[in-house]
All heavy atoms as atom14 arrays in JSON, in Angstrom:
{
  "sequence": "FLRGRLGRFAAIDAAVVASAVVGALRRTEPG",
  "atom14_mask": [
    [1, 1, 1, 1, 1, 1, 1, 1, 1, 1, 1, 0, 0, 0],
    [1, 1, 1, 1, 1, 1, 1, 1, 0, 0, 0, 0, 0, 0],
    [1, 1, 1, 1, 1, 1, 1, 1, 1, 1, 1, 0, 0, 0],
    [1, 1, 1, 1, 0, 0, 0, 0, 0, 0, 0, 0, 0, 0],
    [1, 1, 1, 1, 1, 1, 1, 1, 1, 1, 1, 0, 0, 0],
    [1, 1, 1, 1, 1, 1, 1, 1, 0, 0, 0, 0, 0, 0],
    [1, 1, 1, 1, 0, 0, 0, 0, 0, 0, 0, 0, 0, 0],
    [1, 1, 1, 1, 1, 1, 1, 1, 1, 1, 1, 0, 0, 0],
    [1, 1, 1, 1, 1, 1, 1, 1, 1, 1, 1, 0, 0, 0],
    [1, 1, 1, 1, 1, 0, 0, 0, 0, 0, 0, 0, 0, 0],
    [1, 1, 1, 1, 1, 0, 0, 0, 0, 0, 0, 0, 0, 0],
    [1, 1, 1, 1, 1, 1, 1, 1, 0, 0, 0, 0, 0, 0],
    [1, 1, 1, 1, 1, 1, 1, 1, 0, 0, 0, 0, 0, 0],
    [1, 1, 1, 1, 1, 0, 0, 0, 0, 0, 0, 0, 0, 0],
    [1, 1, 1, 1, 1, 0, 0, 0, 0, 0, 0, 0, 0, 0],
    [1, 1, 1, 1, 1, 1, 1, 0, 0, 0, 0, 0, 0, 0],
    [1, 1, 1, 1, 1, 1, 1, 0, 0, 0, 0, 0, 0, 0],
    [1, 1, 1, 1, 1, 0, 0, 0, 0, 0, 0, 0, 0, 0],
    [1, 1, 1, 1, 1, 1, 0, 0, 0, 0, 0, 0, 0, 0],
    [1, 1, 1, 1, 1, 0, 0, 0, 0, 0, 0, 0, 0, 0],
    [1, 1, 1, 1, 1, 1, 1, 0, 0, 0, 0, 0, 0, 0],
    [1, 1, 1, 1, 1, 1, 1, 0, 0, 0, 0, 0, 0, 0],
    [1, 1, 1, 1, 0, 0, 0, 0, 0, 0, 0, 0, 0, 0],
    [1, 1, 1, 1, 1, 0, 0, 0, 0, 0, 0, 0, 0, 0],
    [1, 1, 1, 1, 1, 1, 1, 1, 0, 0, 0, 0, 0, 0],
    [1, 1, 1, 1, 1, 1, 1, 1, 1, 1, 1, 0, 0, 0],
    [1, 1, 1, 1, 1, 1, 1, 1, 1, 1, 1, 0, 0, 0],
    [1, 1, 1, 1, 1, 1, 1, 0, 0, 0, 0, 0, 0, 0],
    [1, 1, 1, 1, 1, 1, 1, 1, 1, 0, 0, 0, 0, 0],
    [1, 1, 1, 1, 1, 1, 1, 0, 0, 0, 0, 0, 0, 0],
    [1, 1, 1, 1, 0, 0, 0, 0, 0, 0, 0, 0, 0, 0]
  ],
  "atom14_positions": [
    [[-5.91, -9.44, 4.95], [-6.69, -8.82, 6.01], [-5.95, -7.68, 6.71], [-6.54, -6.98, 7.53], [-7.1, -9.89, 7.04], [-7.97, -10.95, 6.46], [-7.42, -12.16, 6.05], [-9.33, -10.73, 6.26], [-8.21, -13.13, 5.49], [-10.13, -11.71, 5.7], [-9.57, -12.91, 5.3], [0.0, 0.0, 0.0], [0.0, 0.0, 0.0], [0.0, 0.0, 0.0]],
    [[-4.7, -7.52, 6.4], [-3.89, -6.48, 7.04], [-3.81, -5.27, 6.12], [-2.83, -5.04, 5.43], [-2.49, -7.01, 7.39], [-2.48, -8.16, 8.4], [-1.06, -8.69, 8.59], [-3.06, -7.73, 9.73], [0.0, 0.0, 0.0], [0.0, 0.0, 0.0], [0.0, 0.0, 0.0], [0.0, 0.0, 0.0], [0.0, 0.0, 0.0], [0.0, 0.0, 0.0]],
    [[-4.87, -4.5, 6.14], [-4.98, -3.32, 5.28], [-5.03, -2.07, 6.15], [-5.24, -2.14, 7.36], [-6.25, -3.4, 4.43], [-6.27, -4.58, 3.5], [-5.27, -4.4, 2.41], [-5.32, -5.54, 1.5], [-4.34, -5.85, 0.71], [-3.24, -5.15, 0.71], [-4.43, -6.88, -0.09], [0.0, 0.0, 0.0], [0.0, 0.0, 0.0], [0.0, 0.0, 0.0]],
    [[-4.86, -0.91, 5.51], [-4.92, 0.34, 6.24], [-3.84, 0.4, 7.31], [-2.69, 0.07, 7.06], [0.0, 0.0, 0.0], [0.0, 0.0, 0.0], [0.0, 0.0, 0.0], [0.0, 0.0, 0.0], [0.0, 0.0, 0.0], [0.0, 0.0, 0.0], [0.0, 0.0, 0.0], [0.0, 0.0, 0.0], [0.0, 0.0, 0.0], [0.0, 0.0, 0.0]],
    [[-4.23, 0.79, 8.52], [-3.26, 0.93, 9.62], [-2.62, -0.4, 9.99], [-1.51, -0.44, 10.51], [-3.95, 1.54, 10.83], [-4.32, 2.99, 10.62], [-5.04, 3.58, 11.78], [-4.34, 3.27, 13.03], [-4.68, 3.72, 14.2], [-5.72, 4.5, 14.31], [-4.0, 3.39, 15.28], [0.0, 0.0, 0.0], [0.0, 0.0, 0.0], [0.0, 0.0, 0.0]],
    [[-3.31, -1.5, 9.73], [-2.76, -2.82, 10.05], [-1.73, -3.29, 9.03], [-1.02, -4.26, 9.27], [-3.88, -3.85, 10.17], [-4.87, -3.65, 11.32], [-5.97, -4.71, 11.26], [-4.15, -3.7, 12.66], [0.0, 0.0, 0.0], [0.0, 0.0, 0.0], [0.0, 0.0, 0.0], [0.0, 0.0, 0.0], [0.0, 0.0, 0.0], [0.0, 0.0, 0.0]],
    [[-1.63, -2.59, 7.9], [-0.7, -2.98, 6.85], [0.75, -3.01, 7.31], [1.57, -3.73, 6.75], [0.0, 0.0, 0.0], [0.0, 0.0, 0.0], [0.0, 0.0, 0.0], [0.0, 0.0, 0.0], [0.0, 0.0, 0.0], [0.0, 0.0, 0.0], [0.0, 0.0, 0.0], [0.0, 0.0, 0.0], [0.0, 0.0, 0.0], [0.0, 0.0, 0.0]],
    [[1.05, -2.28, 8.35], [2.43, -2.25, 8.85], [2.85, -3.6, 9.43], [4.03, -3.89, 9.53], [2.63, -1.14, 9.87], [1.87, -1.34, 11.15], [1.91, -0.05, 12.01], [1.52, -0.34, 13.37], [2.3, -0.17, 14.42], [3.51, 0.31, 14.28], [1.87, -0.47, 15.62], [0.0, 0.0, 0.0], [0.0, 0.0, 0.0], [0.0, 0.0, 0.0]],
    [[1.87, -4.44, 9.8], [2.17, -5.75, 10.36], [2.26, -6.86, 9.31], [2.59, -7.99, 9.63], [1.11, -6.14, 11.4], [1.07, -5.22, 12.57], [0.07, -4.28, 12.7], [2.07, -5.27, 13.54], [0.03, -3.42, 13.78], [2.05, -4.42, 14.63], [1.02, -3.48, 14.75], [0.0, 0.0, 0.0], [0.0, 0.0, 0.0], [0.0, 0.0, 0.0]],
    [[1.97, -6.55, 8.07], [1.96, -7.55, 7.01], [3.37, -8.08, 6.75], [4.38, -7.4, 6.98], [1.39, -6.96, 5.72], [0.0, 0.0, 0.0], [0.0, 0.0, 0.0], [0.0, 0.0, 0.0], [0.0, 0.0, 0.0], [0.0, 0.0, 0.0], [0.0, 0.0, 0.0], [0.0, 0.0, 0.0], [0.0, 0.0, 0.0], [0.0, 0.0, 0.0]],
    [[3.44, -9.31, 6.28], [4.73, -9.9, 5.87], [5.21, -9.17, 4.63], [4.42, -8.67, 3.82], [4.56, -11.38, 5.6], [0.0, 0.0, 0.0], [0.0, 0.0, 0.0], [0.0, 0.0, 0.0], [0.0, 0.0, 0.0], [0.0, 0.0, 0.0], [0.0, 0.0, 0.0], [0.0, 0.0, 0.0], [0.0, 0.0, 0.0], [0.0, 0.0, 0.0]],
    [[6.52, -9.11, 4.47], [7.13, -8.41, 3.34], [8.34, -9.21, 2.88], [9.03, -9.83, 3.69], [7.51, -6.96, 3.73], [7.97, -6.15, 2.52], [8.51, -6.94, 4.86], [8.08, -4.64, 2.82], [0.0, 0.0, 0.0], [0.0, 0.0, 0.0], [0.0, 0.0, 0.0], [0.0, 0.0, 0.0], [0.0, 0.0, 0.0], [0.0, 0.0, 0.0]],
    [[8.59, -9.21, 1.59], [9.73, -9.95, 1.05], [11.04, -9.3, 1.47], [11.21, -8.08, 1.39], [9.66, -10.02, -0.47], [8.53, -10.89, -0.97], [8.07, -11.76, -0.21], [8.1, -10.68, -2.12], [0.0, 0.0, 0.0], [0.0, 0.0, 0.0], [0.0, 0.0, 0.0], [0.0, 0.0, 0.0], [0.0, 0.0, 0.0], [0.0, 0.0, 0.0]],
    [[11.98, -10.12, 1.9], [13.29, -9.64, 2.32], [13.98, -8.89, 1.17], [14.7, -7.92, 1.41], [14.16, -10.79, 2.81], [0.0, 0.0, 0.0], [0.0, 0.0, 0.0], [0.0, 0.0, 0.0], [0.0, 0.0, 0.0], [0.0, 0.0, 0.0], [0.0, 0.0, 0.0], [0.0, 0.0, 0.0], [0.0, 0.0, 0.0], [0.0, 0.0, 0.0]],
    [[13.75, -9.32, -0.07], [14.37, -8.64, -1.22], [13.86, -7.21, -1.35], [14.62, -6.31, -1.75], [14.09, -9.43, -2.5], [0.0, 0.0, 0.0], [0.0, 0.0, 0.0], [0.0, 0.0, 0.0], [0.0, 0.0, 0.0], [0.0, 0.0, 0.0], [0.0, 0.0, 0.0], [0.0, 0.0, 0.0], [0.0, 0.0, 0.0], [0.0, 0.0, 0.0]],
    [[12.61, -6.97, -1.0], [12.06, -5.61, -1.03], [12.74, -4.76, 0.03], [13.11, -3.61, -0.2], [10.53, -5.62, -0.85], [9.97, -4.22, -0.67], [9.85, -6.32, -2.02], [0.0, 0.0, 0.0], [0.0, 0.0, 0.0], [0.0, 0.0, 0.0], [0.0, 0.0, 0.0], [0.0, 0.0, 0.0], [0.0, 0.0, 0.0], [0.0, 0.0, 0.0]],
    [[12.93, -5.33, 1.22], [13.61, -4.61, 2.29], [15.05, -4.28, 1.88], [15.53, -3.17, 2.1], [13.56, -5.4, 3.62], [14.35, -4.7, 4.71], [12.11, -5.6, 4.05], [0.0, 0.0, 0.0], [0.0, 0.0, 0.0], [0.0, 0.0, 0.0], [0.0, 0.0, 0.0], [0.0, 0.0, 0.0], [0.0, 0.0, 0.0], [0.0, 0.0, 0.0]],
    [[15.73, -5.23, 1.26], [17.1, -4.98, 0.8], [17.13, -3.85, -0.23], [18.01, -2.98, -0.18], [17.69, -6.26, 0.21], [0.0, 0.0, 0.0], [0.0, 0.0, 0.0], [0.0, 0.0, 0.0], [0.0, 0.0, 0.0], [0.0, 0.0, 0.0], [0.0, 0.0, 0.0], [0.0, 0.0, 0.0], [0.0, 0.0, 0.0], [0.0, 0.0, 0.0]],
    [[16.17, -3.84, -1.15], [16.1, -2.76, -2.14], [15.8, -1.42, -1.46], [16.28, -0.37, -1.9], [15.03, -3.06, -3.18], [15.41, -4.16, -3.97], [0.0, 0.0, 0.0], [0.0, 0.0, 0.0], [0.0, 0.0, 0.0], [0.0, 0.0, 0.0], [0.0, 0.0, 0.0], [0.0, 0.0, 0.0], [0.0, 0.0, 0.0], [0.0, 0.0, 0.0]],
    [[15.03, -1.45, -0.38], [14.72, -0.23, 0.36], [15.96, 0.34, 1.03], [16.09, 1.56, 1.15], [13.63, -0.49, 1.39], [0.0, 0.0, 0.0], [0.0, 0.0, 0.0], [0.0, 0.0, 0.0], [0.0, 0.0, 0.0], [0.0, 0.0, 0.0], [0.0, 0.0, 0.0], [0.0, 0.0, 0.0], [0.0, 0.0, 0.0], [0.0, 0.0, 0.0]],
    [[16.87, -0.52, 1.47], [18.13, -0.05, 2.04], [18.86, 0.79, 1.0], [19.33, 1.9, 1.28], [19.01, -1.22, 2.54], [20.41, -0.74, 2.89], [18.36, -1.91, 3.74], [0.0, 0.0, 0.0], [0.0, 0.0, 0.0], [0.0, 0.0, 0.0], [0.0, 0.0, 0.0], [0.0, 0.0, 0.0], [0.0, 0.0, 0.0], [0.0, 0.0, 0.0]],
    [[18.93, 0.29, -0.22], [19.58, 1.03, -1.31], [18.84, 2.33, -1.57], [19.45, 3.39, -1.73], [19.66, 0.16, -2.59], [20.21, 0.96, -3.76], [20.5, -1.08, -2.34], [0.0, 0.0, 0.0], [0.0, 0.0, 0.0], [0.0, 0.0, 0.0], [0.0, 0.0, 0.0], [0.0, 0.0, 0.0], [0.0, 0.0, 0.0], [0.0, 0.0, 0.0]],
    [[17.51, 2.27, -1.58], [16.7, 3.47, -1.79], [16.94, 4.51, -0.7], [17.01, 5.71, -0.98], [0.0, 0.0, 0.0], [0.0, 0.0, 0.0], [0.0, 0.0, 0.0], [0.0, 0.0, 0.0], [0.0, 0.0, 0.0], [0.0, 0.0, 0.0], [0.0, 0.0, 0.0], [0.0, 0.0, 0.0], [0.0, 0.0, 0.0], [0.0, 0.0, 0.0]],
    [[17.06, 4.06, 0.54], [17.31, 4.99, 1.65], [18.66, 5.67, 1.47], [18.81, 6.86, 1.78], [17.26, 4.25, 2.98], [0.0, 0.0, 0.0], [0.0, 0.0, 0.0], [0.0, 0.0, 0.0], [0.0, 0.0, 0.0], [0.0, 0.0, 0.0], [0.0, 0.0, 0.0], [0.0, 0.0, 0.0], [0.0, 0.0, 0.0], [0.0, 0.0, 0.0]],
    [[19.64, 4.94, 0.98], [20.97, 5.51, 0.79], [20.99, 6.57, -0.31], [21.9, 7.4, -0.36], [21.99, 4.41, 0.49], [22.3, 3.51, 1.68], [23.11, 2.3, 1.24], [23.03, 4.28, 2.76], [0.0, 0.0, 0.0], [0.0, 0.0, 0.0], [0.0, 0.0, 0.0], [0.0, 0.0, 0.0], [0.0, 0.0, 0.0], [0.0, 0.0, 0.0]],
    [[19.99, 6.56, -1.16], [19.9, 7.57, -2.23], [19.28, 8.87, -1.72], [19.38, 9.9, -2.4], [19.07, 7.02, -3.38], [19.78, 5.91, -4.13], [19.02, 5.5, -5.37], [19.79, 4.54, -6.1], [19.35, 3.34, -6.47], [18.11, 2.97, -6.2], [20.13, 2.51, -7.13], [0.0, 0.0, 0.0], [0.0, 0.0, 0.0], [0.0, 0.0, 0.0]],
    [[18.64, 8.83, -0.57], [18.02, 10.02, -0.01], [19.09, 10.9, 0.64], [20.03, 10.39, 1.23], [16.97, 9.65, 1.04], [15.84, 8.79, 0.53], [14.89, 9.66, -0.29], [13.82, 8.89, -0.87], [12.57, 8.89, -0.4], [12.25, 9.56, 0.67], [11.64, 8.19, -1.03], [0.0, 0.0, 0.0], [0.0, 0.0, 0.0], [0.0, 0.0, 0.0]],
    [[18.9, 12.21, 0.57], [19.94, 13.1, 1.09], [19.48, 13.99, 2.24], [20.33, 14.54, 2.95], [20.48, 14.0, -0.04], [19.4, 14.75, -0.59], [21.16, 13.17, -1.11], [0.0, 0.0, 0.0], [0.0, 0.0, 0.0], [0.0, 0.0, 0.0], [0.0, 0.0, 0.0], [0.0, 0.0, 0.0], [0.0, 0.0, 0.0], [0.0, 0.0, 0.0]],
    [[18.19, 14.16, 2.43], [17.73, 15.07, 3.48], [18.13, 14.54, 4.86], [18.05, 13.36, 5.12], [16.23, 15.35, 3.39], [15.33, 14.15, 3.45], [15.09, 13.44, 2.12], [15.85, 13.65, 1.16], [14.14, 12.65, 2.06], [0.0, 0.0, 0.0], [0.0, 0.0, 0.0], [0.0, 0.0, 0.0], [0.0, 0.0, 0.0], [0.0, 0.0, 0.0]],
    [[18.59, 15.42, 5.74], [19.04, 14.99, 7.06], [17.86, 14.68, 7.99], [16.74, 15.14, 7.77], [19.83, 16.19, 7.58], [19.24, 17.37, 6.87], [18.8, 16.86, 5.53], [0.0, 0.0, 0.0], [0.0, 0.0, 0.0], [0.0, 0.0, 0.0], [0.0, 0.0, 0.0], [0.0, 0.0, 0.0], [0.0, 0.0, 0.0], [0.0, 0.0, 0.0]],
    [[18.13, 13.87, 9.01], [17.12, 13.57, 10.01], [17.07, 12.09, 10.34], [17.88, 11.3, 9.85], [0.0, 0.0, 0.0], [0.0, 0.0, 0.0], [0.0, 0.0, 0.0], [0.0, 0.0, 0.0], [0.0, 0.0, 0.0], [0.0, 0.0, 0.0], [0.0, 0.0, 0.0], [0.0, 0.0, 0.0], [0.0, 0.0, 0.0], [0.0, 0.0, 0.0]]
  ]
}
């Protein structure tokens, strides 16, 4: 039921968040 704008409140697997940390470290643009 958490679709569209409400999707930000959905539960997410911790392993996905951990992989996102690695993905963020691969980004180079400042800000």
